[in-house]
Amino acid sequence: MNKKELLKAKVLKQQEIVNGARAAGRGLTAAEQAEFDTLQREIDALKAEIAKDEGNTQTPTETERAIQAERQRVAEVIALCRDFEEDPSEYIRSGVTVDQVRAKILEKLKAERKPSAAPVPDVRIEKEEADKFRAAASDAILLRGGIKLDKPADGAKDLRGMKLRDLAIECLSRAGRPNAHRLDNDTLFREALSPDSQFASILSNAVNKTMATAYNAARPTYQVWTGRGSNPDFKAATHYQISEAGELVKMTQSGEFKFDEMTDHGVSKAIATFGREFGMTRQALINDDIGILTRVPEAYVRAAVRGINKLVYQMLGTNPIIYDGVALFHANHKNLASSGGAIATATVSAGRAAMRKQKNLRGKETLNIGPAFLIVPASLETQAQQFIVSIADPTGANSNVANVFRNSLTIVADAELDDYSETAWYLAASPADIDTIEVTYLNGNDMPILESQVGFDFLGIKWRIYIDYGVTVLDYRGLYKNPGA
C-alpha cells in the first residue's frame, strides 16, 4: 500500500468514527476522540511526506503551519456539520474551506425550506424544542435510574444510553459552544453548570420528577383520619369553633322572639419550615452517579412525610396540654376511659357512647357523633383486624352473637404509637363531622419544595428540599382513648 492509499484509508477510518457517533446520537467519546486525533496527526504527516515526494519545497515552518491549518479546518468542519446533522466526509476530502462548507449548508437549508413572507427567527419554536429536549433528557435520567414512568417524554428512550458527560456536551453544543466534546471533565462540567444552563435545568427537573413520583407513592397513615388546613403566612392564625345555635322557641304574645347569642372559641395554629440540603459534587458528575438524582430525593421525600406522620402521632401518644389548659385526653373532656381494657365489644361501645354524648361549646347541644376510625399501634393491628372483620362477637362466649362492630370502623395502624404504648388504642371521628387534629400547610401546599443552586462555594450543583407545615389539636370531642390492658 503506497502513501496515498494509506492516507485514504486513514481518512475513511476517521469517517467511520464520526458516523458511529452520529448513529448513536452523541458526541465522540474520549477514546474515539483520542483515536481521531491520532489519525489526524498521521494524516498530516502523510500529506507532508507526499508533498515532499512530489517536489514540494516548503520549509519545515511552513509545513507545520499547513498541518495546523488543516487540522483546524477538519475540526471546524466536523463541528459545523454535527450542528446541522450533515455528513462531513465529502467536505473533508474535497479540501473546501469552513466558509464554503457553511455556505453550502445554508444553500441546502434554503432549498429544503418553503419561502416565508417575513424571515424572522421563530423564538417560540426554538424554546419549544429546548423544552422538549429538557423533558426527554430528564426522563432519560430517571429511566437509567430505574424510576418507572407511565409515559416518558418523546425521545427519552433514545437518550437513556447517554451518560451525564454526554448530556453536558450536548447541552453546550446546543448553546453554541464549539468543540465541547474536546473539553476535559473539569472544564466541561464547570461550563455546563452555569446558573442558567440547560444542563443544570435538566438535573433539577429530574430531581423534581423523582420527588413527585416518591410523594405520590407515599402512603402515610395520618392522611386517612386527620384534617387538612392552610395558612397564608407563618404568623399564628386563629381557628374559631362556633357554638351550636339555640333551639327555636315559641313566639311570645307580643310577637317577639328571644335573642340567641352564640359563642365561639379560638384555637391558635402556626406553621414552621422543615428541610435539608443535598448536592451532586463534581466527582459524582464525573463518575456518572445518577443515584444522587433518584435515590437521594426519594429518601428525603420519605423523610418529609415521615416527619409529619411522627408529629401527628406524637399528639396522641404524649397527650399534650391543649388550648383549654387541659390534657387532650382527660376525665374533664370525657374522652378517656376510666380504666384500661382490650379492644372488645364492651370497651368500644363505651368509647362510642362517650363520643356521642359530647356537648358543644355552650354545653346544651349533644353532638351525637360516632367514631369512624379505630387507631392502634402495630402491636394491636392483628387484634383490631380480628375484632372488625369477625362475623360473630369475638369476645363473646356464644358464637351465635353477632359482632355489631363488624366492618363499621376503619383500622389505622401505625408503629409510631408503639413508642408511647403498645396497649393504648383510640377512636376518632371523621374530619368531615368534626375537627380533631389538623395538619396545616403554607398556602395549602403539601408537596415538598425543591430549589437548586450552582455557586462558587460548591463544586457541583446543590439542592434544598423543604416543606412548611404545623400540627394542631383543634378539638378533643372527636377523639377517645383507652389505655388498653
Protein backbone atom coordinates (compact mmCIF):
# COMPACT_ATOMS: atom_id res chain seq x y z
CA MET A 1 0.00 0.00 0.00
CA ASN A 2 1.54 3.29 -1.08
CA LYS A 3 1.36 6.53 0.91
CA LYS A 4 -1.67 7.90 -0.93
CA GLU A 5 -3.63 4.68 -0.41
CA LEU A 6 -2.65 4.70 3.28
CA LEU A 7 -3.79 8.33 3.52
CA LYS A 8 -7.15 7.44 2.02
CA ALA A 9 -7.57 4.51 4.45
CA LYS A 10 -6.92 6.71 7.47
CA VAL A 11 -9.42 9.35 6.27
CA LEU A 12 -12.03 6.59 5.83
CA LYS A 13 -11.28 5.35 9.36
CA GLN A 14 -11.88 8.85 10.69
CA GLN A 15 -15.20 8.91 8.88
CA GLU A 16 -16.21 5.57 10.44
CA ILE A 17 -15.60 7.04 13.91
CA VAL A 18 -17.70 10.14 13.15
CA ASN A 19 -20.52 8.10 11.58
CA GLY A 20 -20.62 5.73 14.55
CA ALA A 21 -21.05 8.62 16.99
CA ARG A 22 -23.73 10.24 14.83
CA ALA A 23 -25.68 6.99 14.57
CA ALA A 24 -25.68 6.73 18.38
CA GLY A 25 -26.92 10.31 18.70
CA ARG A 26 -23.92 11.52 20.71
CA GLY A 27 -20.55 13.21 20.51
CA LEU A 28 -17.25 11.41 20.33
CA THR A 29 -16.21 9.53 23.45
CA ALA A 30 -12.80 10.21 25.00
CA ALA A 31 -11.39 7.04 23.41
CA GLU A 32 -12.88 7.88 20.00
CA GLN A 33 -11.57 11.45 20.18
CA ALA A 34 -8.10 10.20 21.05
CA GLU A 35 -8.15 7.78 18.10
CA PHE A 36 -9.48 10.52 15.80
CA ASP A 37 -6.69 12.92 16.84
CA THR A 38 -4.05 10.21 16.37
CA LEU A 39 -5.35 9.50 12.86
CA GLN A 40 -5.32 13.23 12.11
CA ARG A 41 -1.66 13.52 13.12
CA GLU A 42 -0.83 10.53 10.93
CA ILE A 43 -2.81 12.06 8.05
CA ASP A 44 -0.96 15.37 8.45
CA ALA A 45 2.39 13.56 8.45
CA LEU A 46 1.48 11.53 5.34
CA LYS A 47 0.35 14.67 3.49
CA ALA A 48 3.68 16.32 4.31
CA GLU A 49 5.61 13.26 3.09
CA ILE A 50 3.57 13.08 -0.13
CA ALA A 51 4.13 16.78 -0.74
CA LYS A 52 7.86 16.32 -0.18
CA ASP A 53 7.98 13.32 -2.54
CA GLU A 54 6.22 15.35 -5.21
CA GLY A 55 8.80 18.10 -5.02
CA ASN A 56 7.10 20.49 -2.59
CA THR A 57 9.82 22.84 -1.29
CA GLN A 58 8.02 24.18 1.76
CA THR A 59 10.24 24.91 4.72
CA PRO A 60 9.62 22.97 7.99
CA THR A 61 7.93 26.04 9.46
CA GLU A 62 5.60 26.39 6.51
CA THR A 63 4.83 22.66 6.66
CA GLU A 64 3.95 22.86 10.32
CA ARG A 65 1.67 25.82 9.67
CA ALA A 66 -0.05 23.93 6.86
CA ILE A 67 -0.56 20.89 9.08
CA GLN A 68 -2.00 23.03 11.86
CA ALA A 69 -4.32 24.83 9.46
CA GLU A 70 -5.57 21.55 8.01
CA ARG A 71 -6.18 20.13 11.49
CA GLN A 72 -8.16 23.24 12.45
CA ARG A 73 -10.16 23.08 9.21
CA VAL A 74 -11.14 19.44 9.77
CA ALA A 75 -12.18 20.08 13.38
CA GLU A 76 -14.32 23.10 12.45
CA VAL A 77 -15.92 21.27 9.53
CA ILE A 78 -16.86 18.33 11.79
CA ALA A 79 -18.31 20.64 14.48
CA LEU A 80 -20.28 22.63 11.92
CA CYS A 81 -21.67 19.53 10.21
CA ARG A 82 -22.66 17.98 13.55
CA ASP A 83 -24.71 21.06 14.46
CA PHE A 84 -26.67 20.75 11.20
CA GLU A 85 -26.66 16.93 11.04
CA GLU A 86 -24.60 16.92 7.85
CA ASP A 87 -22.09 14.31 6.65
CA PRO A 88 -18.61 15.95 6.89
CA SER A 89 -16.69 13.27 4.94
CA GLU A 90 -17.07 14.83 1.48
CA TYR A 91 -16.17 18.29 2.75
CA ILE A 92 -13.05 16.92 4.46
CA ARG A 93 -11.88 15.01 1.36
CA SER A 94 -12.53 17.89 -1.06
CA GLY A 95 -10.47 20.36 0.98
CA VAL A 96 -13.07 23.17 0.90
CA THR A 97 -12.83 25.94 3.48
CA VAL A 98 -15.09 26.26 6.52
CA ASP A 99 -16.79 29.30 4.97
CA GLN A 100 -17.52 27.30 1.83
CA VAL A 101 -18.99 24.49 3.95
CA ARG A 102 -21.16 26.99 5.81
CA ALA A 103 -22.36 28.48 2.53
CA LYS A 104 -23.22 25.05 1.08
CA ILE A 105 -25.17 24.09 4.20
CA LEU A 106 -27.06 27.39 4.09
CA GLU A 107 -27.96 26.85 0.44
CA LYS A 108 -29.22 23.35 1.25
CA LEU A 109 -31.35 24.63 4.14
CA LYS A 110 -32.85 27.35 1.96
CA ALA A 111 -33.71 24.80 -0.72
CA GLU A 112 -35.39 22.50 1.80
CA ARG A 113 -37.46 25.22 3.46
CA LYS A 114 -40.50 26.88 1.97
CA PRO A 115 -40.10 30.63 1.40
CA SER A 116 -41.73 32.80 4.07
CA ALA A 117 -43.10 36.30 3.77
CA ALA A 118 -41.12 37.55 6.75
CA PRO A 119 -37.92 35.63 7.54
CA VAL A 120 -38.00 36.47 11.28
CA PRO A 121 -36.46 33.90 13.66
CA ASP A 122 -39.21 31.97 15.49
CA VAL A 123 -38.09 32.14 19.12
CA ARG A 124 -41.16 30.19 20.24
CA ILE A 125 -40.19 27.17 18.15
CA GLU A 126 -36.64 27.25 19.50
CA LYS A 127 -38.00 27.40 23.04
CA GLU A 128 -40.37 24.52 22.38
CA GLU A 129 -37.51 22.41 21.02
CA ALA A 130 -35.40 23.24 24.08
CA ASP A 131 -38.29 22.30 26.38
CA LYS A 132 -38.80 19.01 24.52
CA PHE A 133 -35.12 18.13 24.80
CA ARG A 134 -35.04 19.04 28.50
CA ALA A 135 -38.08 16.84 29.20
CA ALA A 136 -36.64 13.94 27.20
CA ALA A 137 -33.21 14.20 28.85
CA SER A 138 -34.73 14.40 32.36
CA ASP A 139 -36.88 11.34 31.76
CA ALA A 140 -33.88 9.52 30.26
CA ILE A 141 -32.00 10.06 33.54
CA LEU A 142 -34.96 8.67 35.50
CA LEU A 143 -35.20 5.62 33.24
CA ARG A 144 -31.48 4.97 33.73
CA GLY A 145 -32.03 5.25 37.49
CA GLY A 146 -34.77 2.62 37.47
CA ILE A 147 -37.69 5.03 38.00
CA LYS A 148 -40.88 3.76 36.36
CA LEU A 149 -42.61 6.39 34.24
CA ASP A 150 -46.13 5.87 32.94
CA LYS A 151 -45.48 8.00 29.87
CA PRO A 152 -41.86 9.06 29.28
CA ALA A 153 -41.33 12.20 27.21
CA ASP A 154 -40.82 11.73 23.49
CA GLY A 155 -37.19 10.87 22.80
CA ALA A 156 -36.40 9.82 26.37
CA LYS A 157 -35.73 6.20 25.44
CA ASP A 158 -33.36 7.30 22.69
CA LEU A 159 -31.31 9.32 25.20
CA ARG A 160 -31.21 6.81 28.05
CA GLY A 161 -27.84 5.48 26.88
CA MET A 162 -26.18 8.89 27.29
CA LYS A 163 -24.04 9.44 30.36
CA LEU A 164 -24.05 12.74 32.25
CA ARG A 165 -20.91 13.78 30.36
CA ASP A 166 -22.64 13.13 27.04
CA LEU A 167 -25.65 15.21 28.13
CA ALA A 168 -23.38 18.05 29.24
CA ILE A 169 -21.63 18.02 25.84
CA GLU A 170 -24.98 18.00 24.03
CA CYS A 171 -26.27 20.95 26.09
CA LEU A 172 -23.15 23.04 25.48
CA SER A 173 -23.19 22.21 21.76
CA ARG A 174 -26.83 23.26 21.53
CA ALA A 175 -25.89 26.52 23.25
CA GLY A 176 -23.28 27.18 20.56
CA ARG A 177 -20.13 26.09 22.41
CA PRO A 178 -17.71 24.77 19.74
CA ASN A 179 -15.67 21.63 20.38
CA ALA A 180 -17.45 20.85 23.64
CA HIS A 181 -16.59 17.18 23.18
CA ARG A 182 -12.89 18.03 23.47
CA LEU A 183 -13.19 19.62 26.92
CA ASP A 184 -11.74 17.84 29.93
CA ASN A 185 -14.22 16.81 32.63
CA ASP A 186 -13.48 19.72 34.98
CA THR A 187 -13.92 22.37 32.30
CA LEU A 188 -16.91 20.61 30.76
CA PHE A 189 -19.00 20.39 33.94
CA ARG A 190 -17.93 23.85 35.12
CA GLU A 191 -19.23 25.38 31.89
CA ALA A 192 -22.30 23.13 31.77
CA LEU A 193 -23.34 24.06 35.32
CA SER A 194 -23.70 27.79 34.85
CA PRO A 195 -26.81 29.03 36.76
CA ASP A 196 -28.95 29.47 33.64
CA SER A 197 -27.66 26.44 31.74
CA GLN A 198 -29.88 23.79 30.20
CA PHE A 199 -27.82 21.04 31.82
CA ALA A 200 -28.48 22.32 35.37
CA SER A 201 -32.16 22.63 34.48
CA ILE A 202 -32.24 19.01 33.25
CA LEU A 203 -30.72 17.74 36.51
CA SER A 204 -33.16 19.76 38.65
CA ASN A 205 -36.08 18.64 36.51
CA ALA A 206 -35.07 15.01 37.04
CA VAL A 207 -34.85 15.52 40.82
CA ASN A 208 -38.25 17.25 40.85
CA LYS A 209 -39.88 14.38 38.97
CA THR A 210 -38.26 11.86 41.30
CA MET A 211 -39.69 13.76 44.28
CA ALA A 212 -43.18 13.90 42.78
CA THR A 213 -43.12 10.18 41.99
CA ALA A 214 -41.94 9.33 45.51
CA TYR A 215 -44.53 11.61 47.12
CA ASN A 216 -47.41 10.10 45.15
CA ALA A 217 -46.22 6.62 46.16
CA ALA A 218 -46.02 7.51 49.86
CA ARG A 219 -48.96 6.34 51.97
CA PRO A 220 -48.65 7.94 55.45
CA THR A 221 -51.48 6.85 57.75
CA TYR A 222 -52.11 10.31 59.23
CA GLN A 223 -53.74 11.42 55.97
CA VAL A 224 -56.54 8.86 56.47
CA TRP A 225 -58.12 10.45 59.55
CA THR A 226 -56.74 13.97 60.17
CA GLY A 227 -57.97 17.26 58.76
CA ARG A 228 -56.04 19.47 56.37
CA GLY A 229 -55.73 23.25 56.63
CA SER A 230 -53.96 26.20 55.04
CA ASN A 231 -52.22 29.29 56.41
CA PRO A 232 -51.29 32.22 54.14
CA ASP A 233 -48.11 33.01 56.13
CA PHE A 234 -46.05 31.99 59.16
CA LYS A 235 -47.96 34.11 61.66
CA ALA A 236 -50.15 32.25 64.15
CA ALA A 237 -53.70 32.02 62.81
CA THR A 238 -56.83 31.55 64.89
CA HIS A 239 -59.25 28.74 64.16
CA TYR A 240 -62.68 29.54 65.59
CA GLN A 241 -65.06 26.94 66.97
CA ILE A 242 -68.62 28.25 66.75
CA SER A 243 -71.13 27.11 69.33
CA GLU A 244 -74.41 25.48 68.49
CA ALA A 245 -77.48 27.56 67.69
CA GLY A 246 -80.16 27.62 70.37
CA GLU A 247 -83.39 25.74 69.84
CA LEU A 248 -86.20 27.67 68.20
CA VAL A 249 -88.70 28.88 70.82
CA LYS A 250 -92.34 29.78 70.59
CA MET A 251 -93.05 33.41 69.73
CA THR A 252 -94.40 35.50 72.61
CA GLN A 253 -97.85 37.13 72.55
CA SER A 254 -96.14 40.45 71.77
CA GLY A 255 -94.81 38.96 68.55
CA GLU A 256 -91.17 38.93 69.59
CA PHE A 257 -88.53 36.20 69.55
CA LYS A 258 -85.99 35.72 72.30
CA PHE A 259 -82.49 36.80 71.19
CA ASP A 260 -79.96 33.94 70.99
CA GLU A 261 -76.27 34.81 71.46
CA MET A 262 -73.87 32.22 70.06
CA THR A 263 -70.36 31.84 71.47
CA ASP A 264 -67.05 30.92 69.91
CA HIS A 265 -63.63 29.69 70.97
CA GLY A 266 -60.37 30.41 69.16
CA VAL A 267 -57.54 27.89 68.71
CA SER A 268 -54.15 29.20 67.60
CA LYS A 269 -52.34 27.28 64.86
CA ALA A 270 -48.98 28.05 63.28
CA ILE A 271 -46.58 26.51 60.79
CA ALA A 272 -42.80 26.14 60.60
CA THR A 273 -40.29 25.19 57.91
CA PHE A 274 -38.58 21.80 57.90
CA GLY A 275 -35.87 20.98 55.35
CA ARG A 276 -32.46 19.67 54.34
CA GLU A 277 -29.76 20.32 51.73
CA PHE A 278 -28.03 17.80 49.48
CA GLY A 279 -25.88 18.08 46.40
CA MET A 280 -24.18 16.43 43.45
CA THR A 281 -20.46 17.05 43.55
CA ARG A 282 -18.06 17.39 40.66
CA GLN A 283 -16.75 13.90 41.46
CA ALA A 284 -20.27 12.42 41.32
CA LEU A 285 -20.89 14.08 37.95
CA ILE A 286 -17.64 12.72 36.54
CA ASN A 287 -18.41 9.27 37.97
CA ASP A 288 -21.89 9.39 36.39
CA ASP A 289 -23.53 8.66 39.77
CA ILE A 290 -27.17 9.16 38.81
CA GLY A 291 -28.31 7.56 42.06
CA ILE A 292 -27.93 11.01 43.63
CA LEU A 293 -30.62 12.23 41.22
CA THR A 294 -33.01 9.36 42.00
CA ARG A 295 -32.42 7.56 45.30
CA VAL A 296 -31.45 10.61 47.38
CA PRO A 297 -34.55 12.74 46.53
CA GLU A 298 -36.76 9.71 47.21
CA ALA A 299 -35.19 9.33 50.65
CA TYR A 300 -35.77 12.99 51.54
CA VAL A 301 -39.40 12.91 50.41
CA ARG A 302 -39.99 9.86 52.60
CA ALA A 303 -38.28 11.69 55.46
CA ALA A 304 -40.53 14.74 54.98
CA VAL A 305 -43.70 12.64 55.04
CA ARG A 306 -42.39 10.60 57.96
CA GLY A 307 -41.76 13.81 59.93
CA ILE A 308 -45.40 14.91 59.61
CA ASN A 309 -46.62 11.42 60.48
CA LYS A 310 -44.41 11.38 63.59
CA LEU A 311 -45.73 14.73 64.85
CA VAL A 312 -49.36 13.70 64.41
CA TYR A 313 -48.99 10.51 66.45
CA GLN A 314 -46.90 12.38 68.98
CA MET A 315 -50.07 14.35 69.74
CA LEU A 316 -51.89 11.12 70.59
CA GLY A 317 -49.01 9.42 72.39
CA THR A 318 -47.78 12.30 74.59
CA ASN A 319 -51.28 13.59 75.48
CA PRO A 320 -50.25 17.28 75.46
CA ILE A 321 -51.94 20.21 77.18
CA ILE A 322 -54.19 21.82 74.56
CA TYR A 323 -55.92 25.15 74.04
CA ASP A 324 -58.14 24.99 77.17
CA GLY A 325 -55.28 24.23 79.56
CA VAL A 326 -56.26 20.57 79.98
CA ALA A 327 -54.59 17.44 78.59
CA LEU A 328 -56.01 16.22 75.28
CA PHE A 329 -57.33 13.00 76.85
CA HIS A 330 -58.70 13.81 80.30
CA ALA A 331 -61.66 12.98 82.53
CA ASN A 332 -62.77 16.62 82.24
CA HIS A 333 -63.01 16.14 78.49
CA LYS A 334 -64.97 12.89 78.93
CA ASN A 335 -62.82 11.24 76.26
CA LEU A 336 -60.63 8.97 78.41
CA ALA A 337 -61.68 5.51 79.59
CA SER A 338 -61.84 5.29 83.38
CA SER A 339 -59.94 2.01 83.26
CA GLY A 340 -57.92 0.28 80.59
CA GLY A 341 -59.33 -2.58 78.58
CA ALA A 342 -58.55 -4.56 75.45
CA ILE A 343 -60.39 -3.99 72.17
CA ALA A 344 -63.76 -5.63 72.74
CA THR A 345 -67.46 -5.02 72.23
CA ALA A 346 -67.91 -3.56 75.72
CA THR A 347 -64.90 -1.23 75.62
CA VAL A 348 -65.52 0.03 72.08
CA SER A 349 -69.21 0.51 72.93
CA ALA A 350 -68.22 2.63 75.93
CA GLY A 351 -65.99 4.76 73.72
CA ARG A 352 -68.68 5.22 71.09
CA ALA A 353 -71.24 6.22 73.73
CA ALA A 354 -68.82 8.75 75.24
CA MET A 355 -68.26 10.34 71.83
CA ARG A 356 -71.96 10.54 71.03
CA LYS A 357 -72.69 12.23 74.38
CA GLN A 358 -70.16 15.02 73.89
CA LYS A 359 -71.65 18.53 74.18
CA ASN A 360 -70.92 21.60 72.11
CA LEU A 361 -69.36 24.81 73.45
CA ARG A 362 -72.40 26.03 75.38
CA GLY A 363 -72.94 22.57 76.81
CA LYS A 364 -76.52 22.43 75.52
CA GLU A 365 -76.33 20.56 72.23
CA THR A 366 -75.42 16.87 72.14
CA LEU A 367 -73.09 16.32 69.19
CA ASN A 368 -74.18 12.69 68.62
CA ILE A 369 -71.02 11.99 66.61
CA GLY A 370 -69.82 8.40 66.39
CA PRO A 371 -66.33 7.05 65.66
CA ALA A 372 -65.16 6.35 62.11
CA PHE A 373 -61.61 5.13 62.81
CA LEU A 374 -60.01 2.65 65.21
CA ILE A 375 -56.40 3.82 65.65
CA VAL A 376 -53.94 1.29 67.08
CA PRO A 377 -50.19 0.69 67.44
CA ALA A 378 -48.63 -2.01 65.29
CA SER A 379 -48.74 -4.36 68.30
CA LEU A 380 -52.56 -4.34 68.25
CA GLU A 381 -53.09 -4.44 64.48
CA THR A 382 -53.94 -8.16 64.33
CA GLN A 383 -56.25 -7.92 67.34
CA ALA A 384 -58.02 -4.94 65.76
CA GLN A 385 -58.46 -6.78 62.45
CA GLN A 386 -59.89 -9.85 64.18
CA PHE A 387 -62.37 -7.68 66.04
CA ILE A 388 -63.52 -5.68 63.00
CA VAL A 389 -63.83 -8.48 60.42
CA SER A 390 -65.27 -11.19 62.69
CA ILE A 391 -68.89 -12.12 61.95
CA ALA A 392 -69.54 -13.30 65.49
CA ASP A 393 -68.66 -11.30 68.58
CA PRO A 394 -65.00 -12.35 69.13
CA THR A 395 -65.23 -11.54 72.83
CA GLY A 396 -68.48 -13.40 73.50
CA ALA A 397 -68.89 -16.96 74.73
CA ASN A 398 -71.74 -17.66 72.31
CA SER A 399 -70.70 -17.79 68.64
CA ASN A 400 -74.28 -17.01 67.60
CA VAL A 401 -73.97 -13.46 68.96
CA ALA A 402 -73.34 -11.09 66.05
CA ASN A 403 -70.41 -8.69 66.04
CA VAL A 404 -72.17 -5.32 65.99
CA PHE A 405 -68.94 -3.54 65.05
CA ARG A 406 -68.15 -5.73 62.03
CA ASN A 407 -66.70 -3.54 59.24
CA SER A 408 -68.06 -0.41 60.95
CA LEU A 409 -64.67 1.18 61.69
CA THR A 410 -61.62 1.80 59.50
CA ILE A 411 -58.47 0.44 61.13
CA VAL A 412 -55.47 2.78 61.17
CA ALA A 413 -52.33 1.04 62.44
CA ASP A 414 -49.06 2.93 62.85
CA ALA A 415 -45.83 1.88 64.54
CA GLU A 416 -45.18 5.46 65.71
CA LEU A 417 -47.68 4.77 68.52
CA ASP A 418 -45.70 1.77 69.80
CA ASP A 419 -43.02 4.16 71.09
CA TYR A 420 -45.58 5.53 73.57
CA SER A 421 -47.72 2.49 74.39
CA GLU A 422 -48.23 -0.96 72.89
CA THR A 423 -51.65 -1.36 74.55
CA ALA A 424 -53.42 2.00 74.17
CA TRP A 425 -55.96 2.36 71.36
CA TYR A 426 -58.02 5.29 70.10
CA LEU A 427 -61.29 6.16 68.39
CA ALA A 428 -61.57 9.13 66.03
CA ALA A 429 -64.49 10.76 64.25
CA SER A 430 -64.44 11.60 60.56
CA PRO A 431 -62.86 15.02 59.85
CA ALA A 432 -65.99 15.75 57.80
CA ASP A 433 -68.08 15.55 61.00
CA ILE A 434 -65.88 17.40 63.49
CA ASP A 435 -62.37 18.83 63.77
CA THR A 436 -59.81 16.74 65.64
CA ILE A 437 -56.14 17.08 64.63
CA GLU A 438 -55.25 19.24 61.65
CA VAL A 439 -52.11 19.34 59.52
CA THR A 440 -51.75 22.91 58.27
CA TYR A 441 -49.65 23.80 55.20
CA LEU A 442 -48.41 27.12 53.86
CA ASN A 443 -50.95 28.12 51.20
CA GLY A 444 -52.25 24.54 51.26
CA ASN A 445 -49.12 23.16 49.52
CA ASP A 446 -48.44 19.68 50.94
CA MET A 447 -45.72 18.84 48.39
CA PRO A 448 -42.07 19.37 49.45
CA ILE A 449 -40.43 22.26 47.57
CA LEU A 450 -37.13 21.88 45.72
CA GLU A 451 -34.70 24.70 44.94
CA SER A 452 -31.33 24.40 43.19
CA GLN A 453 -28.16 26.46 43.37
CA VAL A 454 -24.93 26.49 41.42
CA GLY A 455 -22.42 28.55 43.35
CA PHE A 456 -18.78 29.32 43.90
CA ASP A 457 -18.68 27.63 47.31
CA PHE A 458 -19.75 24.21 45.99
CA LEU A 459 -18.15 22.26 43.15
CA GLY A 460 -21.26 20.84 41.56
CA ILE A 461 -24.96 21.57 41.98
CA LYS A 462 -26.75 21.86 45.32
CA TRP A 463 -30.43 21.42 46.15
CA ARG A 464 -32.51 22.15 49.21
CA ILE A 465 -35.79 20.43 49.94
CA TYR A 466 -38.22 21.88 52.45
CA ILE A 467 -41.87 21.89 53.46
CA ASP A 468 -43.89 24.31 55.61
CA TYR A 469 -46.44 22.77 57.97
CA GLY A 470 -47.78 22.58 61.51
CA VAL A 471 -49.79 20.02 63.52
CA THR A 472 -52.53 21.31 65.85
CA VAL A 473 -55.25 19.80 68.04
CA LEU A 474 -58.36 21.77 67.09
CA ASP A 475 -60.92 19.88 69.20
CA TYR A 476 -60.91 16.98 71.65
CA ARG A 477 -64.56 15.95 71.21
CA GLY A 478 -63.93 13.76 68.18
CA LEU A 479 -61.19 11.71 69.88
CA TYR A 480 -61.31 8.98 72.55
CA LYS A 481 -58.55 7.00 74.27
CA ASN A 482 -58.49 3.69 76.09
CA PRO A 483 -55.13 2.90 77.80
CA GLY A 484 -55.65 -0.79 76.99
CA ALA A 485 -54.75 -3.81 79.05
